[in-house]
Amino acid sequence: MLLALAGIVLVACSSQDSYDWLEGYWTSSEWQVTYELGEEDGVWTIRDGSSVLAQSAKLSTDKDKNIVLTDTDGMQFIIEKISDSQIHFQQVAAEGLQGRLPVRPLTRWMINIR
């Protein structure tokens, strides 16, 4: 009985997705940009130096299992995980606004330590 209960707890814990690997600094030498991604209490922020691109983004996934961070203004940031140290990052304007930046390959530059 105790083993069965432990197995259920293990399955329940392992089924939760962890996005800790996404937090930190991501850079592209080709685009000459570094983004800082951070999460606190389920709310994501994205910074480009002193500029805030998203301050209250919510995380979801799309049909292709990409990460989608959607800010309160409707701006979306689509992130495809290549590895723990490489992602593809695309910024898409809210519906009704023009703008879709090309996909940017980013490499982990430094882990954000709080």
C-alpha atoms as a PDB file:
ATOM      1  CA  MET A   1       0.000   0.000   0.000  1.00  0.00           C
ATOM      2  CA  LEU A   2       2.803   2.416   0.924  1.00  0.00           C
ATOM      3  CA  LEU A   3       4.673   1.631  -2.306  1.00  0.00           C
ATOM      4  CA  ALA A   4       1.564   2.295  -4.387  1.00  0.00           C
ATOM      5  CA  LEU A   5       1.071   5.653  -2.682  1.00  0.00           C
ATOM      6  CA  ALA A   6       4.721   6.595  -3.229  1.00  0.00           C
ATOM      7  CA  GLY A   7       4.368   5.708  -6.916  1.00  0.00           C
ATOM      8  CA  ILE A   8       1.330   7.976  -7.276  1.00  0.00           C
ATOM      9  CA  VAL A   9       3.150  10.878  -5.617  1.00  0.00           C
ATOM     10  CA  LEU A  10       6.177  10.348  -7.875  1.00  0.00           C
ATOM     11  CA  VAL A  11       4.032  10.371 -11.008  1.00  0.00           C
ATOM     12  CA  ALA A  12       2.178  13.476  -9.865  1.00  0.00           C
ATOM     13  CA  CYS A  13       5.414  15.366  -9.190  1.00  0.00           C
ATOM     14  CA  SER A  14       7.105  14.328 -12.411  1.00  0.00           C
ATOM     15  CA  SER A  15       4.143  15.318 -14.598  1.00  0.00           C
ATOM     16  CA  GLN A  16       4.512  19.014 -13.728  1.00  0.00           C
ATOM     17  CA  ASP A  17       6.517  20.948 -16.299  1.00  0.00           C
ATOM     18  CA  SER A  18       9.497  22.909 -15.046  1.00  0.00           C
ATOM     19  CA  TYR A  19      10.734  25.910 -16.965  1.00  0.00           C
ATOM     20  CA  ASP A  20      13.595  26.806 -14.622  1.00  0.00           C
ATOM     21  CA  TRP A  21      16.037  26.199 -17.486  1.00  0.00           C
ATOM     22  CA  LEU A  22      14.479  29.171 -19.344  1.00  0.00           C
ATOM     23  CA  GLU A  23      15.301  31.736 -16.665  1.00  0.00           C
ATOM     24  CA  GLY A  24      18.495  33.690 -17.212  1.00  0.00           C
ATOM     25  CA  TYR A  25      20.279  35.576 -19.962  1.00  0.00           C
ATOM     26  CA  TRP A  26      20.017  34.567 -23.623  1.00  0.00           C
ATOM     27  CA  THR A  27      22.132  36.188 -26.316  1.00  0.00           C
ATOM     28  CA  SER A  28      22.532  36.339 -30.089  1.00  0.00           C
ATOM     29  CA  SER A  29      25.761  37.692 -31.526  1.00  0.00           C
ATOM     30  CA  GLU A  30      24.139  37.798 -34.973  1.00  0.00           C
ATOM     31  CA  TRP A  31      21.376  40.134 -33.736  1.00  0.00           C
ATOM     32  CA  GLN A  32      23.606  41.794 -31.106  1.00  0.00           C
ATOM     33  CA  VAL A  33      20.969  41.373 -28.414  1.00  0.00           C
ATOM     34  CA  THR A  34      20.762  39.853 -24.938  1.00  0.00           C
ATOM     35  CA  TYR A  35      17.420  39.092 -23.297  1.00  0.00           C
ATOM     36  CA  GLU A  36      16.881  38.389 -19.619  1.00  0.00           C
ATOM     37  CA  LEU A  37      13.965  36.071 -18.886  1.00  0.00           C
ATOM     38  CA  GLY A  38      12.672  35.674 -15.355  1.00  0.00           C
ATOM     39  CA  GLU A  39       9.667  34.211 -13.568  1.00  0.00           C
ATOM     40  CA  GLU A  40       8.160  35.013 -10.197  1.00  0.00           C
ATOM     41  CA  ASP A  41       4.863  33.576  -8.929  1.00  0.00           C
ATOM     42  CA  GLY A  42       3.848  32.410 -12.419  1.00  0.00           C
ATOM     43  CA  VAL A  43       4.445  35.816 -14.033  1.00  0.00           C
ATOM     44  CA  TRP A  44       7.249  36.178 -16.592  1.00  0.00           C
ATOM     45  CA  THR A  45       9.319  39.230 -17.473  1.00  0.00           C
ATOM     46  CA  ILE A  46      11.503  39.748 -20.525  1.00  0.00           C
ATOM     47  CA  ARG A  47      14.099  42.514 -20.558  1.00  0.00           C
ATOM     48  CA  ASP A  48      16.455  43.755 -23.247  1.00  0.00           C
ATOM     49  CA  GLY A  49      18.979  45.719 -21.209  1.00  0.00           C
ATOM     50  CA  SER A  50      17.020  48.524 -19.546  1.00  0.00           C
ATOM     51  CA  SER A  51      13.970  48.029 -21.831  1.00  0.00           C
ATOM     52  CA  VAL A  52      11.109  45.865 -20.589  1.00  0.00           C
ATOM     53  CA  LEU A  53       9.571  43.848 -23.428  1.00  0.00           C
ATOM     54  CA  ALA A  54       7.112  41.975 -21.187  1.00  0.00           C
ATOM     55  CA  GLN A  55       6.379  42.481 -17.515  1.00  0.00           C
ATOM     56  CA  SER A  56       3.314  40.360 -16.822  1.00  0.00           C
ATOM     57  CA  ALA A  57       3.492  37.504 -19.315  1.00  0.00           C
ATOM     58  CA  LYS A  58       1.713  34.211 -18.766  1.00  0.00           C
ATOM     59  CA  LEU A  59       3.197  30.936 -19.982  1.00  0.00           C
ATOM     60  CA  SER A  60       1.374  28.446 -22.177  1.00  0.00           C
ATOM     61  CA  THR A  61       2.363  25.979 -24.892  1.00  0.00           C
ATOM     62  CA  ASP A  62       1.174  25.767 -28.488  1.00  0.00           C
ATOM     63  CA  LYS A  63       0.251  22.703 -30.556  1.00  0.00           C
ATOM     64  CA  ASP A  64       3.932  22.220 -31.467  1.00  0.00           C
ATOM     65  CA  LYS A  65       4.884  22.220 -27.743  1.00  0.00           C
ATOM     66  CA  ASN A  66       6.662  25.560 -28.086  1.00  0.00           C
ATOM     67  CA  ILE A  67       6.549  27.868 -25.089  1.00  0.00           C
ATOM     68  CA  VAL A  68       4.361  30.932 -25.604  1.00  0.00           C
ATOM     69  CA  LEU A  69       4.725  33.880 -23.238  1.00  0.00           C
ATOM     70  CA  THR A  70       1.766  36.248 -23.693  1.00  0.00           C
ATOM     71  CA  ASP A  71       1.944  39.698 -22.118  1.00  0.00           C
ATOM     72  CA  THR A  72      -1.120  41.659 -20.991  1.00  0.00           C
ATOM     73  CA  ASP A  73      -1.021  43.780 -24.183  1.00  0.00           C
ATOM     74  CA  GLY A  74      -1.318  40.632 -26.331  1.00  0.00           C
ATOM     75  CA  MET A  75       2.329  40.570 -27.431  1.00  0.00           C
ATOM     76  CA  GLN A  76       3.532  36.987 -27.730  1.00  0.00           C
ATOM     77  CA  PHE A  77       7.005  35.547 -27.455  1.00  0.00           C
ATOM     78  CA  ILE A  78       7.279  32.090 -29.002  1.00  0.00           C
ATOM     79  CA  ILE A  79      10.173  30.006 -27.724  1.00  0.00           C
ATOM     80  CA  GLU A  80      11.292  26.701 -29.180  1.00  0.00           C
ATOM     81  CA  LYS A  81      13.655  24.764 -26.934  1.00  0.00           C
ATOM     82  CA  ILE A  82      16.561  23.350 -28.893  1.00  0.00           C
ATOM     83  CA  SER A  83      18.538  22.337 -25.786  1.00  0.00           C
ATOM     84  CA  ASP A  84      19.068  23.617 -22.243  1.00  0.00           C
ATOM     85  CA  SER A  85      21.494  26.158 -23.696  1.00  0.00           C
ATOM     86  CA  GLN A  86      19.863  27.038 -27.051  1.00  0.00           C
ATOM     87  CA  ILE A  87      16.427  28.336 -28.010  1.00  0.00           C
ATOM     88  CA  HIS A  88      14.707  29.891 -30.994  1.00  0.00           C
ATOM     89  CA  PHE A  89      12.940  33.118 -29.962  1.00  0.00           C
ATOM     90  CA  GLN A  90      10.290  35.003 -31.932  1.00  0.00           C
ATOM     91  CA  GLN A  91       8.311  38.103 -30.961  1.00  0.00           C
ATOM     92  CA  VAL A  92       4.816  38.422 -32.462  1.00  0.00           C
ATOM     93  CA  ALA A  93       2.718  41.592 -32.162  1.00  0.00           C
ATOM     94  CA  ALA A  94      -0.789  41.496 -30.740  1.00  0.00           C
ATOM     95  CA  GLU A  95      -3.656  40.910 -33.146  1.00  0.00           C
ATOM     96  CA  GLY A  96      -4.499  44.094 -35.034  1.00  0.00           C
ATOM     97  CA  LEU A  97      -0.951  45.416 -34.772  1.00  0.00           C
ATOM     98  CA  GLN A  98       1.601  44.895 -37.477  1.00  0.00           C
ATOM     99  CA  GLY A  99       4.784  43.127 -36.623  1.00  0.00           C
ATOM    100  CA  ARG A 100       6.447  39.781 -36.540  1.00  0.00           C
ATOM    101  CA  LEU A 101      10.181  39.621 -35.995  1.00  0.00           C
ATOM    102  CA  PRO A 102      12.209  36.800 -37.553  1.00  0.00           C
ATOM    103  CA  VAL A 103      13.074  33.778 -35.449  1.00  0.00           C
ATOM    104  CA  ARG A 104      16.266  34.478 -33.501  1.00  0.00           C
ATOM    105  CA  PRO A 105      18.550  31.659 -32.403  1.00  0.00           C
ATOM    106  CA  LEU A 106      19.699  32.475 -28.861  1.00  0.00           C
ATOM    107  CA  THR A 107      22.355  30.862 -26.685  1.00  0.00           C
ATOM    108  CA  ARG A 108      22.411  30.842 -22.886  1.00  0.00           C
ATOM    109  CA  TRP A 109      24.874  33.447 -21.782  1.00  0.00           C
ATOM    110  CA  MET A 110      24.550  33.373 -18.017  1.00  0.00           C
ATOM    111  CA  ILE A 111      22.109  31.865 -15.552  1.00  0.00           C
ATOM    112  CA  ASN A 112      20.141  34.432 -13.590  1.00  0.00           C
ATOM    113  CA  ILE A 113      21.006  34.055  -9.908  1.00  0.00           C
ATOM    114  CA  ARG A 114      18.528  35.591  -7.493  1.00  0.00           C
END
